[in-house]
């Protein structure tokens, strides 16, 4: 009978240390490129070869599909049957693998496993309920073990505050923390180059696996009043005006800035803000025209992509942006809106800009934007908390105008800066 070979990557020393020193319940926090994926695949495959059952959970259905393809390829020589819909693989060894998404904490309820693996555990919004109400129960019949694997995230999470610390009080739990530098197959220079692409706080979190504290300014953790606030940013009619709008019903908010380059480098100055309390487009048009009329022929209008939706109150269903452009006498070519970024992505990008942009200034009179930079809250998954409009720290209206401006106006600068600094 021909011998069947399953190819797994050889574990490096730190990965092997994790396997050797493991207990029943195991929690790994590691920097990016440490080798978590290879280790997790090894942990899934080994018991399957022995005819055991494995349940594998990921944060989203999209993640499930990626893992499914990887494991299906690795196990292909010994697959007896597979179900693409259920994401289940049965092997000729008697082993069985089920893949689940953590988008529903009940996924996997009623099943029984020798091993449960939760990948990217810190990113799973329903991890607490999934573990306590579902996954833990799948291990009872077979007295199975569990593995929680993750690269770090900002903020307080169940993974970080409970599971990772269980080793301190429970003898059958074990935790490890490793940095990206602990992977001997990585060139340390590559990791140092990654440092130039990120702000310091993000690098320490994602590559050094540190529990960084961003509780003082949860969204804009790179915001520094001493560095970024000045009385210098002033309106100059000779420079291009950039207007960024956030369309909340009450209020509309708008901020004004110049972005230019000269012999001294790149400059980005926010010098004014306004609040339209009743969400009135005509009032916003009047406010802008009264002060900035001379700059409108060459200005850029940007902001909230929601403003591109048709307005049924208009005879021709004209969007809020079209109404603004008409009222301001601007052309549609002056509109720059590429869709709204996610809170998590814009948080990373705004902080990169705050950290690296050479001359980023906000006028001291822009009290709404400064308040938002200092106080806007986010949850453990990087989403801005906006559940209570009566709480100024949960509105983020002025911050939204700047998130949109960074996305639509400064994104090219950010991407160019990252490319240019990649090999420094």
Protein backbone atom coordinates (compact mmCIF):
# COMPACT_ATOMS: atom_id res chain seq x y z
CA UNK A 1 0.00 0.00 0.00
CA UNK A 2 1.45 3.37 -1.03
CA UNK A 3 2.40 5.76 1.74
CA UNK A 4 0.46 9.03 1.85
CA UNK A 5 2.44 12.15 2.78
CA UNK A 6 0.92 15.23 4.37
CA UNK A 7 3.24 18.23 4.10
CA UNK A 8 3.42 20.53 7.12
CA UNK A 9 5.98 23.24 7.68
CA UNK A 10 8.56 22.45 10.33
CA UNK A 11 7.87 24.44 13.48
CA UNK A 12 10.53 26.92 14.52
CA UNK A 13 11.90 26.89 18.07
CA UNK A 14 9.30 29.21 19.63
CA UNK A 15 6.42 27.42 17.92
CA UNK A 16 7.76 24.10 19.18
CA UNK A 17 8.12 25.57 22.68
CA UNK A 18 4.41 26.42 22.63
CA UNK A 19 3.45 22.87 21.68
CA UNK A 20 5.82 21.30 24.21
CA UNK A 21 4.75 23.44 27.18
CA UNK A 22 1.03 23.51 26.38
CA UNK A 23 -1.73 22.64 28.85
CA UNK A 24 -5.40 21.93 28.31
CA UNK A 25 -6.39 25.54 27.61
CA UNK A 26 -3.87 27.64 25.73
CA UNK A 27 -3.70 31.31 24.74
CA UNK A 28 -1.17 32.74 22.29
CA UNK A 29 -0.70 36.45 21.65
CA UNK A 30 1.94 37.11 19.01
CA UNK A 31 3.20 39.83 16.70
CA UNK A 32 2.45 39.79 13.01
CA UNK A 33 4.42 37.26 10.96
CA UNK A 34 5.43 35.29 14.05
CA UNK A 35 4.12 32.14 12.38
CA UNK A 36 0.69 31.87 13.98
CA UNK A 37 -0.97 30.55 10.82
CA UNK A 38 1.52 27.71 10.32
CA UNK A 39 1.30 26.76 13.99
CA UNK A 40 -2.51 26.83 13.95
CA UNK A 41 -2.66 24.60 10.87
CA UNK A 42 -0.26 22.17 12.56
CA UNK A 43 -2.43 22.14 15.70
CA UNK A 44 -5.50 21.40 13.59
CA UNK A 45 -3.96 18.69 11.41
CA UNK A 46 -2.08 16.61 13.99
CA UNK A 47 -5.16 15.35 15.90
CA UNK A 48 -7.00 14.79 12.60
CA UNK A 49 -4.26 12.39 11.53
CA UNK A 50 -4.93 10.44 14.73
CA UNK A 51 -8.63 10.11 13.91
CA UNK A 52 -9.83 12.84 16.27
CA UNK A 53 -12.35 15.63 15.81
CA UNK A 54 -11.44 19.32 15.58
CA UNK A 55 -13.65 22.41 15.68
CA UNK A 56 -12.08 25.53 14.19
CA UNK A 57 -13.61 29.00 14.74
CA UNK A 58 -12.71 32.29 13.02
CA UNK A 59 -14.14 35.81 13.57
CA UNK A 60 -16.05 36.06 10.25
CA UNK A 61 -17.38 33.93 7.40
CA UNK A 62 -14.78 35.53 5.14
CA UNK A 63 -12.05 34.21 7.45
CA UNK A 64 -13.67 30.76 7.38
CA UNK A 65 -13.30 30.60 3.60
CA UNK A 66 -9.58 31.42 3.77
CA UNK A 67 -8.89 28.76 6.40
CA UNK A 68 -11.08 26.27 4.52
CA UNK A 69 -8.96 26.64 1.38
CA UNK A 70 -5.69 26.26 3.32
CA UNK A 71 -6.76 23.16 5.24
CA UNK A 72 -8.49 21.59 2.24
CA UNK A 73 -5.23 21.91 0.28
CA UNK A 74 -3.09 20.53 3.13
CA UNK A 75 -5.37 17.57 3.79
CA UNK A 76 -6.26 16.81 0.16
CA UNK A 77 -4.35 13.45 -0.06
CA UNK A 78 -6.38 11.94 2.78
CA UNK A 79 -9.82 13.54 2.39
CA UNK A 80 -12.63 10.99 2.37
CA UNK A 81 -15.40 13.53 1.87
CA UNK A 82 -15.98 17.25 2.17
CA UNK A 83 -19.02 19.48 2.34
CA UNK A 84 -18.45 22.95 0.87
CA UNK A 85 -21.67 24.34 2.37
CA UNK A 86 -21.20 23.01 5.91
CA UNK A 87 -17.41 23.51 5.75
CA UNK A 88 -16.82 19.99 7.02
CA UNK A 89 -14.02 17.58 6.07
CA UNK A 90 -13.91 13.86 6.87
CA UNK A 91 -10.62 12.00 6.50
CA UNK A 92 -9.69 8.39 5.75
CA UNK A 93 -8.03 8.41 9.20
CA UNK A 94 -11.44 8.83 10.85
CA UNK A 95 -10.68 12.44 11.71
CA UNK A 96 -13.32 15.11 11.22
CA UNK A 97 -12.92 18.88 10.90
CA UNK A 98 -15.69 21.49 11.24
CA UNK A 99 -15.15 25.18 10.49
CA UNK A 100 -17.33 27.80 12.14
CA UNK A 101 -17.74 31.58 12.15
CA UNK A 102 -17.96 33.47 15.44
CA UNK A 103 -20.39 35.95 13.93
CA UNK A 104 -23.02 33.86 15.70
CA UNK A 105 -21.90 32.74 19.18
CA UNK A 106 -24.13 29.65 18.86
CA UNK A 107 -22.20 28.20 15.92
CA UNK A 108 -20.98 24.73 16.93
CA UNK A 109 -23.50 24.24 19.72
CA UNK A 110 -24.32 20.56 20.19
CA UNK A 111 -21.14 19.25 18.55
CA UNK A 112 -18.34 17.38 20.32
CA UNK A 113 -14.60 17.90 19.76
CA UNK A 114 -11.20 16.66 20.90
CA UNK A 115 -9.76 20.07 20.10
CA UNK A 116 -11.24 23.54 19.68
CA UNK A 117 -9.20 26.22 17.91
CA UNK A 118 -10.19 29.89 17.90
CA UNK A 119 -8.13 31.85 15.38
CA UNK A 120 -7.70 35.64 15.58
CA UNK A 121 -9.60 35.40 18.84
CA UNK A 122 -9.12 39.02 19.91
CA UNK A 123 -10.92 40.21 16.78
CA UNK A 124 -14.06 38.19 17.52
CA UNK A 125 -16.82 40.44 18.85
CA UNK A 126 -18.79 37.56 20.41
CA UNK A 127 -15.86 35.61 21.85
CA UNK A 128 -17.08 35.67 25.46
CA UNK A 129 -20.52 34.27 24.68
CA UNK A 130 -19.16 31.82 22.12
CA UNK A 131 -16.60 30.37 24.54
CA UNK A 132 -18.72 30.29 27.67
CA UNK A 133 -22.02 29.21 26.09
CA UNK A 134 -20.94 27.07 23.13
CA UNK A 135 -17.29 26.14 22.57
CA UNK A 136 -16.53 25.10 26.14
CA UNK A 137 -19.46 22.69 26.01
CA UNK A 138 -18.14 21.00 22.86
CA UNK A 139 -15.11 19.76 24.83
CA UNK A 140 -16.93 18.09 27.71
CA UNK A 141 -17.67 14.63 26.24
CA UNK A 142 -14.15 14.05 24.93
CA UNK A 143 -12.33 16.10 27.58
CA UNK A 144 -10.85 18.07 24.69
CA UNK A 145 -8.37 20.93 24.74
CA UNK A 146 -8.67 24.49 23.41
CA UNK A 147 -6.37 26.95 21.69
CA UNK A 148 -6.95 30.70 21.39
CA UNK A 149 -4.62 32.31 18.86
CA UNK A 150 -4.42 36.01 18.01
CA UNK A 151 -2.41 38.96 16.90
CA UNK A 152 -3.07 41.90 19.27
CA UNK A 153 -5.65 44.67 19.09
CA UNK A 154 -6.06 47.95 20.94
CA UNK A 155 -8.43 48.27 23.85
CA UNK A 156 -9.90 45.99 26.48
CA UNK A 157 -11.10 42.66 25.10
CA UNK A 158 -12.28 39.40 26.65
CA UNK A 159 -9.27 37.68 25.09
CA UNK A 160 -6.83 40.09 26.70
CA UNK A 161 -8.49 40.80 30.04
CA UNK A 162 -9.78 37.30 30.86
CA UNK A 163 -8.46 34.44 28.75
CA UNK A 164 -4.84 35.59 28.55
CA UNK A 165 -4.76 36.11 32.33
CA UNK A 166 -6.37 32.78 33.28
CA UNK A 167 -2.91 31.24 33.69
CA UNK A 168 -2.42 33.40 36.79
CA UNK A 169 -5.23 31.64 38.65
CA UNK A 170 -6.02 28.38 36.84
CA UNK A 171 -3.49 25.54 36.62
CA UNK A 172 -4.84 24.05 33.39
CA UNK A 173 -4.34 27.33 31.45
CA UNK A 174 -1.16 28.47 29.70
CA UNK A 175 -0.38 31.76 27.94
CA UNK A 176 2.46 32.92 25.71
CA UNK A 177 3.43 36.31 24.29
CA UNK A 178 5.90 36.48 21.39
CA UNK A 179 6.99 39.36 19.14
CA UNK A 180 7.55 39.30 15.40
CA UNK A 181 11.29 39.20 16.13
CA UNK A 182 10.79 35.75 17.71
CA UNK A 183 10.33 34.20 14.27
CA UNK A 184 13.89 33.16 13.29
CA UNK A 185 12.88 32.91 9.62
CA UNK A 186 12.12 36.63 9.41
CA UNK A 187 14.82 39.14 8.55
CA UNK A 188 14.78 41.59 11.46
CA UNK A 189 15.45 44.40 8.98
CA UNK A 190 12.07 43.69 7.37
CA UNK A 191 10.38 44.21 10.72
CA UNK A 192 12.32 47.41 11.31
CA UNK A 193 11.16 48.62 7.88
CA UNK A 194 7.56 47.89 8.86
CA UNK A 195 8.10 50.27 11.78
CA UNK A 196 8.44 53.15 9.29
CA UNK A 197 5.03 52.38 7.80
CA UNK A 198 3.19 52.64 11.12
CA UNK A 199 2.88 55.00 14.02
CA UNK A 200 4.79 53.88 17.11
CA UNK A 201 1.73 52.80 19.07
CA UNK A 202 0.46 50.56 16.26
CA UNK A 203 3.90 49.00 15.76
CA UNK A 204 4.23 48.18 19.46
CA UNK A 205 0.77 46.61 19.46
CA UNK A 206 0.88 44.64 16.20
CA UNK A 207 4.55 43.63 16.00
CA UNK A 208 5.75 43.71 19.60
CA UNK A 209 2.48 42.24 20.97
CA UNK A 210 2.33 44.89 23.70
CA UNK A 211 -0.82 45.87 25.58
CA UNK A 212 -0.57 49.56 24.71
CA UNK A 213 -2.75 52.01 26.59
CA UNK A 214 -4.76 54.33 24.33
CA UNK A 215 -7.45 55.07 26.90
CA UNK A 216 -6.58 58.78 27.12
CA UNK A 217 -7.41 59.39 23.45
CA UNK A 218 -8.95 56.13 22.22
CA UNK A 219 -9.44 57.16 18.59
CA UNK A 220 -6.76 59.78 17.94
CA UNK A 221 -3.98 58.36 20.11
CA UNK A 222 -1.34 60.27 18.11
CA UNK A 223 -3.10 63.62 18.60
CA UNK A 224 -0.90 66.09 20.50
CA UNK A 225 -2.23 69.56 21.33
CA UNK A 226 1.30 70.94 21.69
CA UNK A 227 2.34 69.59 18.30
CA UNK A 228 -0.83 70.01 16.27
CA UNK A 229 -2.63 73.10 17.63
CA UNK A 230 -1.54 76.57 16.59
CA UNK A 231 -2.84 80.06 15.86
CA UNK A 232 -0.86 79.97 12.62
CA UNK A 233 -3.37 78.24 10.30
CA UNK A 234 -5.19 81.05 8.54
CA UNK A 235 -7.41 81.32 5.52
CA UNK A 236 -5.52 82.41 2.40
CA UNK A 237 -7.69 83.10 -0.62
CA UNK A 238 -4.70 82.39 -2.89
CA UNK A 239 -4.53 78.77 -1.69
CA UNK A 240 -7.02 76.06 -2.68
CA UNK A 241 -9.88 75.73 -0.19
CA UNK A 242 -10.92 72.22 0.89
CA UNK A 243 -14.38 71.87 2.47
CA UNK A 244 -15.29 68.66 4.32
CA UNK A 245 -18.86 67.95 5.40
CA UNK A 246 -20.54 65.48 7.77
CA UNK A 247 -24.27 65.03 7.17
CA UNK A 248 -25.89 64.27 10.50
CA UNK A 249 -29.49 65.48 10.65
CA UNK A 250 -28.81 67.60 13.71
CA UNK A 251 -26.33 69.11 13.20
CA UNK A 252 -24.47 69.24 9.91
CA UNK A 253 -20.79 69.94 10.56
CA UNK A 254 -18.22 71.36 8.17
CA UNK A 255 -14.48 72.07 8.45
CA UNK A 256 -12.19 74.13 6.22
CA UNK A 257 -8.54 73.61 5.33
CA UNK A 258 -5.68 74.26 2.93
CA UNK A 259 -3.37 71.52 1.64
CA UNK A 260 -0.35 72.60 -0.38
CA UNK A 261 3.29 71.92 -1.13
CA UNK A 262 6.16 74.39 -1.37
CA UNK A 263 9.94 74.45 -0.97
CA UNK A 264 9.52 73.60 2.72
CA UNK A 265 7.45 70.49 2.04
CA UNK A 266 3.80 69.49 2.51
CA UNK A 267 1.37 71.55 4.62
CA UNK A 268 -2.12 70.76 5.86
CA UNK A 269 -3.83 73.49 7.89
CA UNK A 270 -7.37 73.32 9.29
CA UNK A 271 -8.40 76.87 10.13
CA UNK A 272 -12.19 76.97 10.58
CA UNK A 273 -15.26 74.92 11.46
CA UNK A 274 -19.01 75.48 11.50
CA UNK A 275 -22.13 73.76 12.81
CA UNK A 276 -25.49 73.95 11.04
CA UNK A 277 -27.84 73.05 13.86
CA UNK A 278 -31.00 72.23 11.92
CA UNK A 279 -29.25 70.31 9.15
CA UNK A 280 -30.20 72.96 6.59
CA UNK A 281 -28.47 72.84 3.20
CA UNK A 282 -29.52 76.43 2.33
CA UNK A 283 -28.07 77.67 5.63
CA UNK A 284 -24.82 75.79 5.00
CA UNK A 285 -24.61 77.33 1.53
CA UNK A 286 -25.10 80.82 2.97
CA UNK A 287 -22.48 80.26 5.70
CA UNK A 288 -19.88 79.09 3.20
CA UNK A 289 -20.62 81.73 0.54
CA UNK A 290 -20.55 84.59 3.04
CA UNK A 291 -16.95 83.85 4.04
CA UNK A 292 -15.31 81.87 1.23
CA UNK A 293 -17.03 83.08 -1.95
CA UNK A 294 -13.78 84.12 -3.63
CA UNK A 295 -12.27 80.61 -3.20
CA UNK A 296 -15.21 78.56 -4.47
CA UNK A 297 -14.28 78.43 -8.19
CA UNK A 298 -11.19 76.32 -7.36
CA UNK A 299 -12.29 74.70 -4.10
CA UNK A 300 -12.66 70.98 -3.36
CA UNK A 301 -15.80 69.67 -1.69
CA UNK A 302 -15.46 66.36 0.16
CA UNK A 303 -16.87 64.53 3.17
CA UNK A 304 -19.55 62.01 4.04
CA UNK A 305 -20.41 59.64 1.17
CA UNK A 306 -23.98 59.49 2.50
CA UNK A 307 -24.41 62.90 0.88
CA UNK A 308 -24.40 61.21 -2.54
CA UNK A 309 -27.78 59.61 -1.91
CA UNK A 310 -30.76 61.03 -3.74
CA UNK A 311 -33.00 63.40 -1.79
CA UNK A 312 -36.68 62.65 -2.42
CA UNK A 313 -37.61 66.14 -1.22
CA UNK A 314 -35.98 67.49 -4.38
CA UNK A 315 -37.93 67.54 -7.63
CA UNK A 316 -35.06 65.86 -9.50
CA UNK A 317 -33.99 63.70 -6.52
CA UNK A 318 -30.77 65.74 -6.30
CA UNK A 319 -28.32 64.52 -3.64
CA UNK A 320 -27.15 66.73 -0.79
CA UNK A 321 -23.84 67.22 -2.58
CA UNK A 322 -25.51 68.24 -5.82
CA UNK A 323 -27.61 70.76 -3.87
CA UNK A 324 -24.45 72.13 -2.25
CA UNK A 325 -22.56 72.34 -5.54
CA UNK A 326 -25.46 74.17 -7.18
CA UNK A 327 -25.86 76.60 -4.31
CA UNK A 328 -22.13 77.29 -4.14
CA UNK A 329 -21.76 77.65 -7.91
CA UNK A 330 -19.27 74.76 -8.02
CA UNK A 331 -18.84 72.08 -10.70
CA UNK A 332 -19.34 68.35 -10.12
CA UNK A 333 -15.65 67.86 -10.98
CA UNK A 334 -14.85 69.71 -7.75
CA UNK A 335 -16.48 66.96 -5.68
CA UNK A 336 -14.05 64.40 -4.25
CA UNK A 337 -15.84 61.57 -2.41
CA UNK A 338 -14.62 57.96 -2.71
CA UNK A 339 -16.92 56.23 -0.21
CA UNK A 340 -16.66 56.22 3.56
CA UNK A 341 -13.77 54.38 5.19
CA UNK A 342 -14.41 51.93 8.03
CA UNK A 343 -13.82 53.30 11.51
CA UNK A 344 -10.99 50.82 12.07
CA UNK A 345 -9.17 51.68 8.83
CA UNK A 346 -9.59 55.43 9.20
CA UNK A 347 -8.40 55.23 12.79
CA UNK A 348 -5.13 53.68 11.62
CA UNK A 349 -4.75 56.09 8.72
CA UNK A 350 -5.61 59.26 10.67
CA UNK A 351 -3.10 58.32 13.36
CA UNK A 352 -0.45 57.60 10.73
CA UNK A 353 -1.01 61.07 9.30
CA UNK A 354 -0.96 62.70 12.75
CA UNK A 355 2.32 60.93 13.45
CA UNK A 356 4.12 61.46 10.13
CA UNK A 357 2.68 64.43 8.24
CA UNK A 358 5.35 67.17 8.38
CA UNK A 359 3.09 70.17 8.99
CA UNK A 360 -0.35 69.18 10.24
CA UNK A 361 -1.96 72.06 12.14
CA UNK A 362 -5.40 72.85 13.58
CA UNK A 363 -6.29 76.39 14.59
CA UNK A 364 -6.94 76.83 18.30
CA UNK A 365 -10.42 78.25 17.59
CA UNK A 366 -11.54 74.88 16.12
CA UNK A 367 -12.83 73.75 19.47
CA UNK A 368 -15.22 71.11 18.14
CA UNK A 369 -12.56 69.26 16.17
CA UNK A 370 -10.07 69.53 19.03
CA UNK A 371 -12.67 68.18 21.44
CA UNK A 372 -13.32 65.22 19.16
CA UNK A 373 -9.63 64.43 18.73
CA UNK A 374 -9.19 64.45 22.49
CA UNK A 375 -12.34 62.67 23.59
CA UNK A 376 -14.09 60.53 20.97
CA UNK A 377 -14.46 56.98 22.24
CA UNK A 378 -14.06 53.69 20.38
CA UNK A 379 -14.92 50.15 21.34
CA UNK A 380 -12.40 47.30 21.53
CA UNK A 381 -12.77 46.72 17.78
CA UNK A 382 -11.95 50.26 16.64
CA UNK A 383 -15.54 51.37 15.96
CA UNK A 384 -16.46 54.87 17.12
CA UNK A 385 -19.07 54.78 19.88
CA UNK A 386 -22.08 56.79 18.71
CA UNK A 387 -24.95 55.37 20.74
CA UNK A 388 -25.82 58.56 22.66
CA UNK A 389 -26.17 61.81 20.72
CA UNK A 390 -26.57 63.71 23.99
CA UNK A 391 -22.97 62.84 24.89
CA UNK A 392 -20.63 65.17 22.98
CA UNK A 393 -17.89 62.56 23.18
CA UNK A 394 -20.04 60.15 21.18
CA UNK A 395 -21.04 62.45 18.35
CA UNK A 396 -17.71 62.61 16.50
CA UNK A 397 -19.26 64.98 13.92
CA UNK A 398 -16.19 67.17 13.51
CA UNK A 399 -13.89 64.15 13.71
CA UNK A 400 -15.91 62.56 10.90
CA UNK A 401 -15.26 65.56 8.65
CA UNK A 402 -11.55 65.03 9.21
CA UNK A 403 -11.72 61.25 8.77
CA UNK A 404 -13.37 61.82 5.39
CA UNK A 405 -10.85 64.48 4.40
CA UNK A 406 -7.91 62.26 5.30
CA UNK A 407 -9.49 59.46 3.27
CA UNK A 408 -10.37 61.52 0.19
CA UNK A 409 -7.61 64.14 0.18
CA UNK A 410 -4.59 62.85 2.09
CA UNK A 411 -4.72 59.15 1.23
CA UNK A 412 -2.42 59.62 -1.77
CA UNK A 413 0.12 61.38 0.46
CA UNK A 414 -0.08 58.57 3.05
CA UNK A 415 0.38 55.81 0.49
CA UNK A 416 3.28 57.66 -1.18
CA UNK A 417 4.94 58.31 2.17
CA UNK A 418 4.70 54.64 3.09
CA UNK A 419 6.18 53.56 -0.25
CA UNK A 420 9.02 56.04 -0.01
CA UNK A 421 9.92 54.99 3.52
CA UNK A 422 9.59 51.26 3.06
CA UNK A 423 13.29 50.70 2.51
CA UNK A 424 14.79 53.34 4.76
